[in-house]
Amino acid sequence: MNKVDQAGNNVFEGGFLGLDNITVIDRSEKLPGGAVLEQSDGTGWMGMFCLNLMGIALELAIANKAYESLALKFFEHY
């Protein structure tokens, strides 16, 4: 929820999924000329994650109505 790109477009970026540990550049150093490395590798993953969790919550809601609000939450996040 609180991971956004530098432009504020709600795109998950920055390698927060742990997929950025092997790279040809040292990401702890500033890039030459003030360049910015953009990556949106996490956005699609997070969308699928929300849909999967919504599906689980909907299945659970069949037996326990308390899960309906959780399913709605994941739909809104998606």
PDB file of N, CA and C in Angstrom:
ATOM      1  N   MET A   1       0.807  -1.201   0.000  1.00  0.00           N
ATOM      2  CA  MET A   1       0.000   0.000   0.000  1.00  0.00           C
ATOM      3  C   MET A   1       0.850   1.265   0.000  1.00  0.00           C
ATOM      4  N   ASN A   2       1.973   1.229   0.673  1.00  0.00           N
ATOM      5  CA  ASN A   2       2.784   2.440   0.784  1.00  0.00           C
ATOM      6  C   ASN A   2       3.987   2.437  -0.140  1.00  0.00           C
ATOM      7  N   LYS A   3       4.046   1.498  -1.075  1.00  0.00           N
ATOM      8  CA  LYS A   3       5.161   1.448  -2.025  1.00  0.00           C
ATOM      9  C   LYS A   3       4.710   2.090  -3.331  1.00  0.00           C
ATOM     10  N   VAL A   4       5.296   3.224  -3.661  1.00  0.00           N
ATOM     11  CA  VAL A   4       4.954   3.893  -4.916  1.00  0.00           C
ATOM     12  C   VAL A   4       6.227   4.298  -5.636  1.00  0.00           C
ATOM     13  N   ASP A   5       6.070   4.605  -6.905  1.00  0.00           N
ATOM     14  CA  ASP A   5       7.224   5.048  -7.681  1.00  0.00           C
ATOM     15  C   ASP A   5       7.542   6.501  -7.355  1.00  0.00           C
ATOM     16  N   GLN A   6       8.657   6.970  -7.865  1.00  0.00           N
ATOM     17  CA  GLN A   6       9.094   8.337  -7.585  1.00  0.00           C
ATOM     18  C   GLN A   6       8.121   9.387  -8.095  1.00  0.00           C
ATOM     19  N   ALA A   7       7.378   9.067  -9.163  1.00  0.00           N
ATOM     20  CA  ALA A   7       6.427  10.024  -9.727  1.00  0.00           C
ATOM     21  C   ALA A   7       5.070   9.963  -9.040  1.00  0.00           C
ATOM     22  N   GLY A   8       4.888   9.036  -8.097  1.00  0.00           N
ATOM     23  CA  GLY A   8       3.625   8.935  -7.381  1.00  0.00           C
ATOM     24  C   GLY A   8       2.509   8.290  -8.174  1.00  0.00           C
ATOM     25  N   ASN A   9       2.848   7.422  -9.121  1.00  0.00           N
ATOM     26  CA  ASN A   9       1.839   6.792  -9.974  1.00  0.00           C
ATOM     27  C   ASN A   9       1.325   5.457  -9.429  1.00  0.00           C
ATOM     28  N   ASN A  10       1.635   5.143  -8.181  1.00  0.00           N
ATOM     29  CA  ASN A  10       1.217   3.895  -7.553  1.00  0.00           C
ATOM     30  C   ASN A  10       1.705   2.671  -8.310  1.00  0.00           C
ATOM     31  N   VAL A  11       2.928   2.736  -8.830  1.00  0.00           N
ATOM     32  CA  VAL A  11       3.567   1.605  -9.485  1.00  0.00           C
ATOM     33  C   VAL A  11       4.605   1.062  -8.515  1.00  0.00           C
ATOM     34  N   PHE A  12       4.509  -0.215  -8.187  1.00  0.00           N
ATOM     35  CA  PHE A  12       5.470  -0.820  -7.266  1.00  0.00           C
ATOM     36  C   PHE A  12       6.809  -0.939  -7.978  1.00  0.00           C
ATOM     37  N   GLU A  13       7.804  -0.287  -7.452  1.00  0.00           N
ATOM     38  CA  GLU A  13       9.128  -0.347  -8.061  1.00  0.00           C
ATOM     39  C   GLU A  13      10.192  -0.376  -6.983  1.00  0.00           C
ATOM     40  N   GLY A  14      11.403  -0.523  -7.382  1.00  0.00           N
ATOM     41  CA  GLY A  14      12.518  -0.469  -6.460  1.00  0.00           C
ATOM     42  C   GLY A  14      13.036  -1.815  -6.031  1.00  0.00           C
ATOM     43  N   GLY A  15      12.536  -2.888  -6.616  1.00  0.00           N
ATOM     44  CA  GLY A  15      13.059  -4.198  -6.291  1.00  0.00           C
ATOM     45  C   GLY A  15      12.679  -4.691  -4.913  1.00  0.00           C
ATOM     46  N   PHE A  16      11.553  -4.249  -4.388  1.00  0.00           N
ATOM     47  CA  PHE A  16      11.161  -4.633  -3.045  1.00  0.00           C
ATOM     48  C   PHE A  16      10.853  -6.120  -2.916  1.00  0.00           C
ATOM     49  N   LEU A  17      10.747  -6.846  -4.020  1.00  0.00           N
ATOM     50  CA  LEU A  17      10.456  -8.272  -3.984  1.00  0.00           C
ATOM     51  C   LEU A  17      11.709  -9.110  -3.780  1.00  0.00           C
ATOM     52  N   GLY A  18      12.847  -8.471  -3.651  1.00  0.00           N
ATOM     53  CA  GLY A  18      14.085  -9.202  -3.474  1.00  0.00           C
ATOM     54  C   GLY A  18      14.662  -9.692  -4.789  1.00  0.00           C
ATOM     55  N   LEU A  19      14.174  -9.154  -5.898  1.00  0.00           N
ATOM     56  CA  LEU A  19      14.648  -9.584  -7.204  1.00  0.00           C
ATOM     57  C   LEU A  19      15.784  -8.706  -7.724  1.00  0.00           C
ATOM     58  N   ASP A  20      16.251  -7.796  -6.901  1.00  0.00           N
ATOM     59  CA  ASP A  20      17.256  -6.842  -7.358  1.00  0.00           C
ATOM     60  C   ASP A  20      18.642  -7.122  -6.793  1.00  0.00           C
ATOM     61  N   ASN A  21      18.879  -8.317  -6.280  1.00  0.00           N
ATOM     62  CA  ASN A  21      20.164  -8.568  -5.641  1.00  0.00           C
ATOM     63  C   ASN A  21      21.276  -8.937  -6.622  1.00  0.00           C
ATOM     64  N   ILE A  22      20.946  -9.176  -7.869  1.00  0.00           N
ATOM     65  CA  ILE A  22      21.971  -9.444  -8.880  1.00  0.00           C
ATOM     66  C   ILE A  22      21.781  -8.428 -10.002  1.00  0.00           C
ATOM     67  N   THR A  23      22.775  -7.592 -10.201  1.00  0.00           N
ATOM     68  CA  THR A  23      22.647  -6.534 -11.196  1.00  0.00           C
ATOM     69  C   THR A  23      24.021  -6.148 -11.723  1.00  0.00           C
ATOM     70  N   VAL A  24      24.041  -5.519 -12.867  1.00  0.00           N
ATOM     71  CA  VAL A  24      25.314  -5.102 -13.462  1.00  0.00           C
ATOM     72  C   VAL A  24      25.788  -3.768 -12.911  1.00  0.00           C
ATOM     73  N   ILE A  25      24.946  -3.083 -12.148  1.00  0.00           N
ATOM     74  CA  ILE A  25      25.338  -1.811 -11.551  1.00  0.00           C
ATOM     75  C   ILE A  25      25.194  -1.893 -10.033  1.00  0.00           C
ATOM     76  N   ASP A  26      25.889  -1.049  -9.325  1.00  0.00           N
ATOM     77  CA  ASP A  26      25.789  -0.972  -7.874  1.00  0.00           C
ATOM     78  C   ASP A  26      24.618  -0.044  -7.540  1.00  0.00           C
ATOM     79  N   ARG A  27      23.507  -0.617  -7.111  1.00  0.00           N
ATOM     80  CA  ARG A  27      22.290   0.172  -6.862  1.00  0.00           C
ATOM     81  C   ARG A  27      22.389   1.045  -5.624  1.00  0.00           C
ATOM     82  N   SER A  28      23.423   0.856  -4.808  1.00  0.00           N
ATOM     83  CA  SER A  28      23.579   1.704  -3.630  1.00  0.00           C
ATOM     84  C   SER A  28      24.254   3.028  -3.982  1.00  0.00           C
ATOM     85  N   GLU A  29      24.806   3.134  -5.192  1.00  0.00           N
ATOM     86  CA  GLU A  29      25.459   4.364  -5.655  1.00  0.00           C
ATOM     87  C   GLU A  29      24.528   5.138  -6.580  1.00  0.00           C
ATOM     88  N   LYS A  30      24.677   6.469  -6.583  1.00  0.00           N
ATOM     89  CA  LYS A  30      23.893   7.297  -7.509  1.00  0.00           C
ATOM     90  C   LYS A  30      24.344   7.025  -8.941  1.00  0.00           C
ATOM     91  N   LEU A  31      23.398   7.079  -9.866  1.00  0.00           N
ATOM     92  CA  LEU A  31      23.717   6.851 -11.267  1.00  0.00           C
ATOM     93  C   LEU A  31      24.325   8.105 -11.879  1.00  0.00           C
ATOM     94  N   PRO A  32      25.177   7.974 -12.875  1.00  0.00           N
ATOM     95  CA  PRO A  32      25.812   9.127 -13.509  1.00  0.00           C
ATOM     96  C   PRO A  32      24.779  10.060 -14.136  1.00  0.00           C
ATOM     97  N   GLY A  33      25.070  11.341 -14.054  1.00  0.00           N
ATOM     98  CA  GLY A  33      24.224  12.347 -14.695  1.00  0.00           C
ATOM     99  C   GLY A  33      22.855  12.507 -14.049  1.00  0.00           C
ATOM    100  N   GLY A  34      22.669  12.004 -12.826  1.00  0.00           N
ATOM    101  CA  GLY A  34      21.384  12.118 -12.144  1.00  0.00           C
ATOM    102  C   GLY A  34      20.320  11.190 -12.690  1.00  0.00           C
ATOM    103  N   ALA A  35      20.729  10.189 -13.454  1.00  0.00           N
ATOM    104  CA  ALA A  35      19.771   9.238 -14.028  1.00  0.00           C
ATOM    105  C   ALA A  35      19.057   8.463 -12.925  1.00  0.00           C
ATOM    106  N   VAL A  36      17.858   8.002 -13.230  1.00  0.00           N
ATOM    107  CA  VAL A  36      17.054   7.236 -12.286  1.00  0.00           C
ATOM    108  C   VAL A  36      16.697   5.900 -12.924  1.00  0.00           C
ATOM    109  N   LEU A  37      16.921   4.822 -12.196  1.00  0.00           N
ATOM    110  CA  LEU A  37      16.563   3.505 -12.681  1.00  0.00           C
ATOM    111  C   LEU A  37      15.085   3.247 -12.370  1.00  0.00           C
ATOM    112  N   GLU A  38      14.283   3.042 -13.399  1.00  0.00           N
ATOM    113  CA  GLU A  38      12.854   2.778 -13.236  1.00  0.00           C
ATOM    114  C   GLU A  38      12.597   1.295 -13.399  1.00  0.00           C
ATOM    115  N   GLN A  39      11.789   0.741 -12.544  1.00  0.00           N
ATOM    116  CA  GLN A  39      11.378  -0.643 -12.718  1.00  0.00           C
ATOM    117  C   GLN A  39       9.991  -0.813 -12.103  1.00  0.00           C
ATOM    118  N   SER A  40       9.168  -1.564 -12.763  1.00  0.00           N
ATOM    119  CA  SER A  40       7.804  -1.798 -12.277  1.00  0.00           C
ATOM    120  C   SER A  40       7.551  -3.287 -12.127  1.00  0.00           C
ATOM    121  N   ASP A  41       8.573  -4.014 -11.729  1.00  0.00           N
ATOM    122  CA  ASP A  41       8.467  -5.463 -11.659  1.00  0.00           C
ATOM    123  C   ASP A  41       7.434  -5.960 -10.664  1.00  0.00           C
ATOM    124  N   GLY A  42       7.117  -5.191  -9.662  1.00  0.00           N
ATOM    125  CA  GLY A  42       6.210  -5.672  -8.632  1.00  0.00           C
ATOM    126  C   GLY A  42       4.743  -5.411  -8.868  1.00  0.00           C
ATOM    127  N   THR A  43       4.378  -4.537  -9.803  1.00  0.00           N
ATOM    128  CA  THR A  43       2.984  -4.151  -9.967  1.00  0.00           C
ATOM    129  C   THR A  43       2.106  -5.319 -10.403  1.00  0.00           C
ATOM    130  N   GLY A  44       2.499  -6.044 -11.417  1.00  0.00           N
ATOM    131  CA  GLY A  44       1.708  -7.185 -11.869  1.00  0.00           C
ATOM    132  C   GLY A  44       1.650  -8.279 -10.817  1.00  0.00           C
ATOM    133  N   TRP A  45       2.769  -8.485 -10.125  1.00  0.00           N
ATOM    134  CA  TRP A  45       2.825  -9.496  -9.076  1.00  0.00           C
ATOM    135  C   TRP A  45       1.856  -9.151  -7.948  1.00  0.00           C
ATOM    136  N   MET A  46       1.831  -7.889  -7.549  1.00  0.00           N
ATOM    137  CA  MET A  46       0.934  -7.467  -6.474  1.00  0.00           C
ATOM    138  C   MET A  46      -0.533  -7.568  -6.897  1.00  0.00           C
ATOM    139  N   GLY A  47      -0.824  -7.277  -8.168  1.00  0.00           N
ATOM    140  CA  GLY A  47      -2.196  -7.426  -8.667  1.00  0.00           C
ATOM    141  C   GLY A  47      -2.651  -8.873  -8.588  1.00  0.00           C
ATOM    142  N   MET A  48      -1.807  -9.776  -9.020  1.00  0.00           N
ATOM    143  CA  MET A  48      -2.156 -11.200  -8.963  1.00  0.00           C
ATOM    144  C   MET A  48      -2.280 -11.675  -7.530  1.00  0.00           C
ATOM    145  N   PHE A  49      -1.415 -11.199  -6.665  1.00  0.00           N
ATOM    146  CA  PHE A  49      -1.463 -11.546  -5.249  1.00  0.00           C
ATOM    147  C   PHE A  49      -2.816 -11.154  -4.643  1.00  0.00           C
ATOM    148  N   CYS A  50      -3.279  -9.933  -4.948  1.00  0.00           N
ATOM    149  CA  CYS A  50      -4.576  -9.475  -4.434  1.00  0.00           C
ATOM    150  C   CYS A  50      -5.717 -10.336  -4.962  1.00  0.00           C
ATOM    151  N   LEU A  51      -5.667 -10.668  -6.245  1.00  0.00           N
ATOM    152  CA  LEU A  51      -6.733 -11.514  -6.813  1.00  0.00           C
ATOM    153  C   LEU A  51      -6.736 -12.902  -6.174  1.00  0.00           C
ATOM    154  N   ASN A  52      -5.565 -13.466  -5.946  1.00  0.00           N
ATOM    155  CA  ASN A  52      -5.486 -14.777  -5.301  1.00  0.00           C
ATOM    156  C   ASN A  52      -6.037 -14.736  -3.875  1.00  0.00           C
ATOM    157  N   LEU A  53      -5.665 -13.718  -3.120  1.00  0.00           N
ATOM    158  CA  LEU A  53      -6.164 -13.593  -1.758  1.00  0.00           C
ATOM    159  C   LEU A  53      -7.665 -13.331  -1.734  1.00  0.00           C
ATOM    160  N   MET A  54      -8.173 -12.585  -2.709  1.00  0.00           N
ATOM    161  CA  MET A  54      -9.612 -12.358  -2.799  1.00  0.00           C
ATOM    162  C   MET A  54     -10.335 -13.683  -3.035  1.00  0.00           C
ATOM    163  N   GLY A  55      -9.793 -14.515  -3.917  1.00  0.00           N
ATOM    164  CA  GLY A  55     -10.397 -15.818  -4.188  1.00  0.00           C
ATOM    165  C   GLY A  55     -10.437 -16.699  -2.954  1.00  0.00           C
ATOM    166  N   ILE A  56      -9.365 -16.685  -2.187  1.00  0.00           N
ATOM    167  CA  ILE A  56      -9.317 -17.460  -0.949  1.00  0.00           C
ATOM    168  C   ILE A  56     -10.365 -16.944   0.035  1.00  0.00           C
ATOM    169  N   ALA A  57     -10.438 -15.622   0.180  1.00  0.00           N
ATOM    170  CA  ALA A  57     -11.415 -15.031   1.107  1.00  0.00           C
ATOM    171  C   ALA A  57     -12.850 -15.350   0.678  1.00  0.00           C
ATOM    172  N   LEU A  58     -13.118 -15.362  -0.633  1.00  0.00           N
ATOM    173  CA  LEU A  58     -14.464 -15.695  -1.110  1.00  0.00           C
ATOM    174  C   LEU A  58     -14.818 -17.142  -0.792  1.00  0.00           C
ATOM    175  N   GLU A  59     -13.845 -18.036  -0.934  1.00  0.00           N
ATOM    176  CA  GLU A  59     -14.087 -19.445  -0.574  1.00  0.00           C
ATOM    177  C   GLU A  59     -14.383 -19.582   0.915  1.00  0.00           C
ATOM    178  N   LEU A  60     -13.614 -18.887   1.734  1.00  0.00           N
ATOM    179  CA  LEU A  60     -13.829 -18.937   3.176  1.00  0.00           C
ATOM    180  C   LEU A  60     -15.161 -18.309   3.576  1.00  0.00           C
ATOM    181  N   ALA A  61     -15.601 -17.301   2.818  1.00  0.00           N
ATOM    182  CA  ALA A  61     -16.858 -16.607   3.125  1.00  0.00           C
ATOM    183  C   ALA A  61     -18.079 -17.505   2.936  1.00  0.00           C
ATOM    184  N   ILE A  62     -17.944 -18.573   2.181  1.00  0.00           N
ATOM    185  CA  ILE A  62     -19.064 -19.508   2.019  1.00  0.00           C
ATOM    186  C   ILE A  62     -19.453 -20.093   3.377  1.00  0.00           C
ATOM    187  N   ALA A  63     -18.455 -20.386   4.199  1.00  0.00           N
ATOM    188  CA  ALA A  63     -18.710 -20.979   5.513  1.00  0.00           C
ATOM    189  C   ALA A  63     -18.763 -19.934   6.630  1.00  0.00           C
ATOM    190  N   ASN A  64     -18.111 -18.780   6.419  1.00  0.00           N
ATOM    191  CA  ASN A  64     -18.035 -17.775   7.473  1.00  0.00           C
ATOM    192  C   ASN A  64     -18.142 -16.393   6.833  1.00  0.00           C
ATOM    193  N   LYS A  65     -19.271 -15.738   7.019  1.00  0.00           N
ATOM    194  CA  LYS A  65     -19.543 -14.439   6.379  1.00  0.00           C
ATOM    195  C   LYS A  65     -18.539 -13.347   6.775  1.00  0.00           C
ATOM    196  N   ALA A  66     -17.782 -13.563   7.830  1.00  0.00           N
ATOM    197  CA  ALA A  66     -16.801 -12.569   8.273  1.00  0.00           C
ATOM    198  C   ALA A  66     -15.742 -12.308   7.211  1.00  0.00           C
ATOM    199  N   TYR A  67     -15.535 -13.249   6.309  1.00  0.00           N
ATOM    200  CA  TYR A  67     -14.506 -13.109   5.275  1.00  0.00           C
ATOM    201  C   TYR A  67     -14.963 -12.277   4.075  1.00  0.00           C
ATOM    202  N   GLU A  68     -16.260 -11.935   4.015  1.00  0.00           N
ATOM    203  CA  GLU A  68     -16.754 -11.124   2.890  1.00  0.00           C
ATOM    204  C   GLU A  68     -16.072  -9.767   2.837  1.00  0.00           C
ATOM    205  N   SER A  69     -15.911  -9.118   3.993  1.00  0.00           N
ATOM    206  CA  SER A  69     -15.265  -7.794   4.011  1.00  0.00           C
ATOM    207  C   SER A  69     -13.792  -7.894   3.619  1.00  0.00           C
ATOM    208  N   LEU A  70     -13.166  -9.001   3.962  1.00  0.00           N
ATOM    209  CA  LEU A  70     -11.770  -9.197   3.570  1.00  0.00           C
ATOM    210  C   LEU A  70     -11.649  -9.366   2.053  1.00  0.00           C
ATOM    211  N   ALA A  71     -12.578 -10.117   1.468  1.00  0.00           N
ATOM    212  CA  ALA A  71     -12.581 -10.281   0.011  1.00  0.00           C
ATOM    213  C   ALA A  71     -12.765  -8.933  -0.671  1.00  0.00           C
ATOM    214  N   LEU A  72     -13.653  -8.104  -0.140  1.00  0.00           N
ATOM    215  CA  LEU A  72     -13.885  -6.768  -0.704  1.00  0.00           C
ATOM    216  C   LEU A  72     -12.620  -5.911  -0.592  1.00  0.00           C
ATOM    217  N   LYS A  73     -11.927  -6.029   0.532  1.00  0.00           N
ATOM    218  CA  LYS A  73     -10.677  -5.268   0.722  1.00  0.00           C
ATOM    219  C   LYS A  73      -9.664  -5.621  -0.359  1.00  0.00           C
ATOM    220  N   PHE A  74      -9.493  -6.924  -0.637  1.00  0.00           N
ATOM    221  CA  PHE A  74      -8.526  -7.326  -1.653  1.00  0.00           C
ATOM    222  C   PHE A  74      -8.959  -6.886  -3.048  1.00  0.00           C
ATOM    223  N   PHE A  75     -10.262  -6.875  -3.311  1.00  0.00           N
ATOM    224  CA  PHE A  75     -10.769  -6.372  -4.597  1.00  0.00           C
ATOM    225  C   PHE A  75     -10.446  -4.896  -4.737  1.00  0.00           C
ATOM    226  N   GLU A  76     -10.651  -4.123  -3.683  1.00  0.00           N
ATOM    227  CA  GLU A  76     -10.342  -2.683  -3.725  1.00  0.00           C
ATOM    228  C   GLU A  76      -8.849  -2.442  -3.924  1.00  0.00           C
ATOM    229  N   HIS A  77      -8.016  -3.271  -3.292  1.00  0.00           N
ATOM    230  CA  HIS A  77      -6.567  -3.125  -3.470  1.00  0.00           C
ATOM    231  C   HIS A  77      -6.167  -3.434  -4.907  1.00  0.00           C
ATOM    232  N   TYR A  78      -6.842  -4.414  -5.518  1.00  0.00           N
ATOM    233  CA  TYR A  78      -6.547  -4.764  -6.894  1.00  0.00           C
ATOM    234  C   TYR A  78      -6.875  -3.594  -7.805  1.00  0.00           C
TER     235      TYR A  78
END
